[in-house]
C-alpha atoms as a PDB file:
ATOM      1  CA  MET A   1      14.801 -37.623  17.573  1.00  0.00           C
ATOM      2  CA  GLU A   2      13.318 -34.940  15.161  1.00  0.00           C
ATOM      3  CA  VAL A   3      12.955 -31.377  15.203  1.00  0.00           C
ATOM      4  CA  LYS A   4      11.206 -29.522  12.755  1.00  0.00           C
ATOM      5  CA  ILE A   5      12.935 -25.902  11.776  1.00  0.00           C
ATOM      6  CA  ASN A   6      11.203 -23.668   9.262  1.00  0.00           C
ATOM      7  CA  LYS A   7      12.933 -23.031   5.859  1.00  0.00           C
ATOM      8  CA  GLU A   8      12.607 -19.041   6.117  1.00  0.00           C
ATOM      9  CA  ILE A   9      13.456 -18.384   9.970  1.00  0.00           C
ATOM     10  CA  ARG A  10      11.409 -15.195   9.948  1.00  0.00           C
ATOM     11  CA  ASN A  11       8.412 -17.408   9.685  1.00  0.00           C
ATOM     12  CA  TYR A  12       8.599 -19.020  12.638  1.00  0.00           C
ATOM     13  CA  THR A  13       5.931 -17.870  15.144  1.00  0.00           C
ATOM     14  CA  GLU A  14       5.744 -19.254  18.721  1.00  0.00           C
ATOM     15  CA  SER A  15       2.219 -20.636  19.984  1.00  0.00           C
ATOM     16  CA  MET A  16       1.228 -19.087  23.255  1.00  0.00           C
ATOM     17  CA  PHE A  17      -2.324 -20.107  23.478  1.00  0.00           C
ATOM     18  CA  PHE A  18      -4.096 -22.928  22.263  1.00  0.00           C
ATOM     19  CA  GLY A  19      -1.795 -23.061  19.413  1.00  0.00           C
ATOM     20  CA  LEU A  20      -1.746 -19.454  18.581  1.00  0.00           C
ATOM     21  CA  SER A  21       0.445 -16.713  18.881  1.00  0.00           C
ATOM     22  CA  MET A  22       0.094 -13.521  21.318  1.00  0.00           C
ATOM     23  CA  ARG A  23      -0.780 -11.697  18.372  1.00  0.00           C
ATOM     24  CA  GLN A  24      -3.534 -14.086  17.152  1.00  0.00           C
ATOM     25  CA  PHE A  25      -4.947 -14.886  20.373  1.00  0.00           C
ATOM     26  CA  ILE A  26      -5.232 -11.443  21.670  1.00  0.00           C
ATOM     27  CA  PHE A  27      -7.112 -10.310  18.191  1.00  0.00           C
ATOM     28  CA  SER A  28      -9.319 -13.450  18.457  1.00  0.00           C
ATOM     29  CA  VAL A  29     -10.384 -12.377  22.193  1.00  0.00           C
ATOM     30  CA  LEU A  30     -11.069  -8.868  21.057  1.00  0.00           C
ATOM     31  CA  ALA A  31     -13.354 -10.509  18.109  1.00  0.00           C
ATOM     32  CA  CYS A  32     -15.178 -12.588  20.817  1.00  0.00           C
ATOM     33  CA  GLY A  33     -15.638  -9.366  22.895  1.00  0.00           C
ATOM     34  CA  VAL A  34     -17.170  -7.602  19.897  1.00  0.00           C
ATOM     35  CA  ALA A  35     -19.522 -10.410  18.918  1.00  0.00           C
ATOM     36  CA  VAL A  36     -20.607 -10.663  22.736  1.00  0.00           C
ATOM     37  CA  ALA A  37     -21.033  -6.695  22.788  1.00  0.00           C
ATOM     38  CA  LEU A  38     -22.884  -6.925  19.387  1.00  0.00           C
ATOM     39  CA  TYR A  39     -25.211  -9.569  20.608  1.00  0.00           C
ATOM     40  CA  PHE A  40     -26.216  -7.696  23.847  1.00  0.00           C
ATOM     41  CA  LEU A  41     -26.295  -3.871  22.130  1.00  0.00           C
ATOM     42  CA  LEU A  42     -28.854  -5.682  19.133  1.00  0.00           C
ATOM     43  CA  ARG A  43     -30.606  -8.245  20.696  1.00  0.00           C
ATOM     44  CA  PRO A  44     -33.648  -5.964  21.864  1.00  0.00           C
ATOM     45  CA  TYR A  45     -34.117  -4.794  18.004  1.00  0.00           C
ATOM     46  CA  PHE A  46     -33.328  -8.248  16.153  1.00  0.00           C
ATOM     47  CA  GLY A  47     -34.437 -11.748  15.830  1.00  0.00           C
ATOM     48  CA  THR A  48     -31.655 -14.414  16.815  1.00  0.00           C
ATOM     49  CA  GLU A  49     -31.001 -15.316  13.131  1.00  0.00           C
ATOM     50  CA  THR A  50     -30.464 -11.963  11.997  1.00  0.00           C
ATOM     51  CA  LEU A  51     -28.472 -10.936  15.155  1.00  0.00           C
ATOM     52  CA  SER A  52     -26.077 -14.140  14.880  1.00  0.00           C
ATOM     53  CA  TRP A  53     -25.091 -12.642  11.209  1.00  0.00           C
ATOM     54  CA  MET A  54     -24.337  -9.487  12.626  1.00  0.00           C
ATOM     55  CA  CYS A  55     -22.356 -10.771  15.373  1.00  0.00           C
ATOM     56  CA  ILE A  56     -20.273 -12.687  12.882  1.00  0.00           C
ATOM     57  CA  LEU A  57     -20.231  -9.716  10.257  1.00  0.00           C
ATOM     58  CA  GLY A  58     -18.900  -7.537  13.466  1.00  0.00           C
ATOM     59  CA  ALA A  59     -16.062  -9.621  14.848  1.00  0.00           C
ATOM     60  CA  SER A  60     -14.754 -11.132  11.600  1.00  0.00           C
ATOM     61  CA  PRO A  61     -12.636  -7.772  10.929  1.00  0.00           C
ATOM     62  CA  PHE A  62     -10.981  -8.173  14.439  1.00  0.00           C
ATOM     63  CA  ALA A  63     -10.238 -11.675  14.298  1.00  0.00           C
ATOM     64  CA  ALA A  64      -8.777 -11.175  10.506  1.00  0.00           C
ATOM     65  CA  LEU A  65      -6.254  -8.391  12.038  1.00  0.00           C
ATOM     66  CA  GLY A  66      -4.795 -11.103  14.037  1.00  0.00           C
ATOM     67  CA  PHE A  67      -4.053 -13.580  11.266  1.00  0.00           C
ATOM     68  CA  ILE A  68      -3.580 -11.319   8.082  1.00  0.00           C
ATOM     69  CA  LYS A  69      -0.103 -10.858   6.688  1.00  0.00           C
ATOM     70  CA  TYR A  70       0.749  -9.138   3.370  1.00  0.00           C
ATOM     71  CA  ASN A  71       4.229  -8.698   2.039  1.00  0.00           C
ATOM     72  CA  GLY A  72       5.593  -9.609   5.434  1.00  0.00           C
ATOM     73  CA  MET A  73       3.431  -6.642   7.080  1.00  0.00           C
ATOM     74  CA  THR A  74       0.689  -7.069   9.617  1.00  0.00           C
ATOM     75  CA  ALA A  75      -2.723  -5.876   8.634  1.00  0.00           C
ATOM     76  CA  GLU A  76      -2.226  -2.234  10.884  1.00  0.00           C
ATOM     77  CA  GLN A  77       1.582  -1.739   9.255  1.00  0.00           C
ATOM     78  CA  PHE A  78      -0.186  -2.515   5.456  1.00  0.00           C
ATOM     79  CA  VAL A  79      -3.116   0.199   6.637  1.00  0.00           C
ATOM     80  CA  TRP A  80      -0.628   2.670   7.698  1.00  0.00           C
ATOM     81  CA  VAL A  81       1.370   2.088   4.553  1.00  0.00           C
ATOM     82  CA  TRP A  82      -1.080   2.226   2.264  1.00  0.00           C
ATOM     83  CA  ILE A  83      -2.458   5.811   4.353  1.00  0.00           C
ATOM     84  CA  LYS A  84       1.262   7.375   4.049  1.00  0.00           C
ATOM     85  CA  SER A  85       1.283   6.313   0.480  1.00  0.00           C
ATOM     86  CA  GLU A  86      -1.813   7.488  -0.849  1.00  0.00           C
ATOM     87  CA  PHE A  87      -2.367  10.329   1.531  1.00  0.00           C
ATOM     88  CA  ILE A  88       0.720  11.617   3.005  1.00  0.00           C
ATOM     89  CA  THR A  89       3.938  10.856   0.396  1.00  0.00           C
ATOM     90  CA  ASN A  90       2.046  10.760  -2.960  1.00  0.00           C
ATOM     91  CA  TYR A  91       0.392  13.397  -4.899  1.00  0.00           C
ATOM     92  CA  SER A  92      -1.364  13.481  -8.185  1.00  0.00           C
ATOM     93  CA  ILE A  93       0.612  15.359 -10.535  1.00  0.00           C
ATOM     94  CA  LEU A  94      -2.395  16.222 -12.438  1.00  0.00           C
ATOM     95  CA  SER A  95      -4.219  18.225  -9.692  1.00  0.00           C
ATOM     96  CA  PRO A  96      -1.850  18.540  -6.875  1.00  0.00           C
ATOM     97  CA  GLU A  97      -4.325  21.348  -5.240  1.00  0.00           C
ATOM     98  CA  ILE A  98      -6.361  18.023  -4.414  1.00  0.00           C
ATOM     99  CA  THR A  99      -3.635  16.593  -2.047  1.00  0.00           C
ATOM    100  CA  LYS A 100      -1.492  19.505  -1.264  1.00  0.00           C
ATOM    101  CA  PRO A 101      -2.730  19.455   2.497  1.00  0.00           C
ATOM    102  CA  TYR A 102      -1.118  15.578   2.597  1.00  0.00           C
ATOM    103  CA  ILE A 103       2.399  16.581   1.301  1.00  0.00           C
ATOM    104  CA  VAL A 104       5.274  16.382   3.515  1.00  0.00           C
ATOM    105  CA  SER A 105       6.803  19.247   4.996  1.00  0.00           C
ATOM    106  CA  GLY A 106       9.909  20.538   2.442  1.00  0.00           C
ATOM    107  CA  ASP A 107       8.513  17.969  -0.293  1.00  0.00           C
ATOM    108  CA  ASP A 108       9.206  20.234  -3.601  1.00  0.00           C
ATOM    109  CA  ARG A 109       9.166  17.377  -5.748  1.00  0.00           C
ATOM    110  CA  PHE A 110       6.231  18.870  -7.683  1.00  0.00           C
ATOM    111  CA  GLU A 111       7.659  22.752  -8.264  1.00  0.00           C
ATOM    112  CA  ARG A 112      10.991  21.377  -9.254  1.00  0.00           C
ATOM    113  CA  ALA A 113       9.191  19.269 -11.976  1.00  0.00           C
ATOM    114  CA  ASP A 114       7.121  22.098 -12.993  1.00  0.00           C
ATOM    115  CA  GLU A 115       9.921  24.631 -13.446  1.00  0.00           C
ATOM    116  CA  LEU A 116      12.010  22.141 -15.334  1.00  0.00           C
ATOM    117  CA  LEU A 117       9.025  21.180 -17.527  1.00  0.00           C
ATOM    118  CA  LYS A 118       8.606  25.028 -18.507  1.00  0.00           C
ATOM    119  CA  HIS A 119      11.724  24.676 -20.123  1.00  0.00           C
ATOM    120  CA  CYS A 120      10.814  21.902 -22.538  1.00  0.00           C
ATOM    121  CA  ASN A 121       8.871  21.977 -25.728  1.00  0.00           C
ATOM    122  CA  ASP A 122       5.967  20.150 -26.591  1.00  0.00           C
ATOM    123  CA  SER A 123       7.839  17.403 -28.416  1.00  0.00           C
ATOM    124  CA  PHE A 124      10.462  16.402 -25.088  1.00  0.00           C
ATOM    125  CA  SER A 125      11.872  12.827 -25.491  1.00  0.00           C
ATOM    126  CA  VAL A 126      11.672  10.206 -23.355  1.00  0.00           C
ATOM    127  CA  ALA A 127      15.192  10.618 -22.095  1.00  0.00           C
ATOM    128  CA  GLU A 128      14.304  14.255 -21.450  1.00  0.00           C
ATOM    129  CA  ALA A 129      11.161  12.914 -19.686  1.00  0.00           C
ATOM    130  CA  PHE A 130      13.671  10.432 -17.420  1.00  0.00           C
ATOM    131  CA  GLN A 131      15.677  12.808 -16.563  1.00  0.00           C
ATOM    132  CA  ILE A 132      13.136  15.727 -15.024  1.00  0.00           C
ATOM    133  CA  LEU A 133      12.223  12.068 -13.138  1.00  0.00           C
ATOM    134  CA  LYS A 134      15.654  11.520 -12.053  1.00  0.00           C
ATOM    135  CA  SER A 135      16.364  15.177 -10.767  1.00  0.00           C
ATOM    136  CA  VAL A 136      12.660  14.855  -8.462  1.00  0.00           C
ATOM    137  CA  LYS A 137      13.182  11.450  -7.544  1.00  0.00           C
ATOM    138  CA  GLN A 138      12.343  10.873  -3.768  1.00  0.00           C
ATOM    139  CA  GLU A 139      15.372   8.984  -1.441  1.00  0.00           C
ATOM    140  CA  GLY A 140      15.005   7.134   1.893  1.00  0.00           C
ATOM    141  CA  ILE A 141      12.273   5.136   3.590  1.00  0.00           C
ATOM    142  CA  TRP A 142       9.676   6.604   0.967  1.00  0.00           C
ATOM    143  CA  ALA A 143      11.710   6.387  -1.880  1.00  0.00           C
ATOM    144  CA  THR A 144      10.432   6.438  -5.733  1.00  0.00           C
ATOM    145  CA  ARG A 145       9.794   2.595  -6.249  1.00  0.00           C
ATOM    146  CA  VAL A 146       8.654   2.980 -10.343  1.00  0.00           C
ATOM    147  CA  SER A 147       9.267   5.758 -12.504  1.00  0.00           C
ATOM    148  CA  PHE A 148       7.646   5.591 -15.803  1.00  0.00           C
ATOM    149  CA  VAL A 149       7.046   7.325 -18.844  1.00  0.00           C
ATOM    150  CA  TYR A 150       4.453   7.040 -21.601  1.00  0.00           C
ATOM    151  CA  SER A 151       5.145   7.664 -25.132  1.00  0.00           C
ATOM    152  CA  VAL A 152       2.142   8.623 -27.309  1.00  0.00           C
ATOM    153  CA  ASN A 153       3.817   8.201 -30.721  1.00  0.00           C
ATOM    154  CA  GLU A 154       5.167   4.593 -30.117  1.00  0.00           C
ATOM    155  CA  ASN A 155       2.274   3.662 -27.829  1.00  0.00           C
ATOM    156  CA  ARG A 156       5.166   2.002 -25.152  1.00  0.00           C
ATOM    157  CA  VAL A 157       5.927   2.600 -21.745  1.00  0.00           C
ATOM    158  CA  TYR A 158       9.318   2.984 -20.517  1.00  0.00           C
ATOM    159  CA  TYR A 159       9.883   2.715 -16.692  1.00  0.00           C
ATOM    160  CA  VAL A 160      12.905   2.273 -14.191  1.00  0.00           C
ATOM    161  CA  GLU A 161      12.623   0.602 -10.976  1.00  0.00           C
ATOM    162  CA  ASN A 162      13.885   1.828  -7.574  1.00  0.00           C
ATOM    163  CA  ASN A 163      15.470   5.241  -9.030  1.00  0.00           C
ATOM    164  CA  ASP A 164      17.989   2.890 -11.060  1.00  0.00           C
ATOM    165  CA  PHE A 165      17.842   5.040 -14.047  1.00  0.00           C
ATOM    166  CA  GLU A 166      20.742   3.395 -15.788  1.00  0.00           C
ATOM    167  CA  TYR A 167      18.404   0.284 -16.497  1.00  0.00           C
ATOM    168  CA  VAL A 168      15.208   1.518 -18.455  1.00  0.00           C
ATOM    169  CA  THR A 169      12.611  -1.272 -19.255  1.00  0.00           C
ATOM    170  CA  LYS A 170      10.150  -1.049 -21.952  1.00  0.00           C
ATOM    171  CA  TYR A 171       6.552  -2.503 -22.042  1.00  0.00           C
ATOM    172  CA  GLN A 172       4.917  -2.426 -25.805  1.00  0.00           C
ATOM    173  CA  PHE A 173       1.101  -2.123 -25.794  1.00  0.00           C
ATOM    174  CA  CYS A 174      -0.500  -3.858 -28.820  1.00  0.00           C
ATOM    175  CA  ASN A 175      -2.650  -2.401 -31.458  1.00  0.00           C
ATOM    176  CA  SER A 176      -5.394  -4.624 -31.526  1.00  0.00           C
ATOM    177  CA  TYR A 177      -8.616  -1.843 -32.113  1.00  0.00           C
END
């Protein structure tokens, strides 16, 4: 008797219907429902071939949602994380007024960084830049993942990952122009 065990236990999914997980089955049924609805709604306006392509294109996103995983997240989890990172907790340093309505209440990182930059002259060092980034870093679930500084004089990017300011990595650009 042989029992198959996944190498990664988190990758295990229980098959519920026709070899599909419950999630995959629900999204497959939803995709079929969308295709049928599109067929009956658009049948008076289009020929059979065009209509079949429209049904396929309309149902595909729903079918894909049941099967897609990205970095261990389901499609809707990924979309929510993307929305939060792009619109809610992230904002542009160069033009903060554009994204000001999306800033989380109490997030004053821009104001604190702006105040610290006012005390610097135009030629502050990479170390001083990292000191400012360190003082305005974000903690918790939405912690800053990468902080970086670009040095024009050296044509180099210095960056730290996961708020680990003790370990600075350098990336040198090639001068091939």
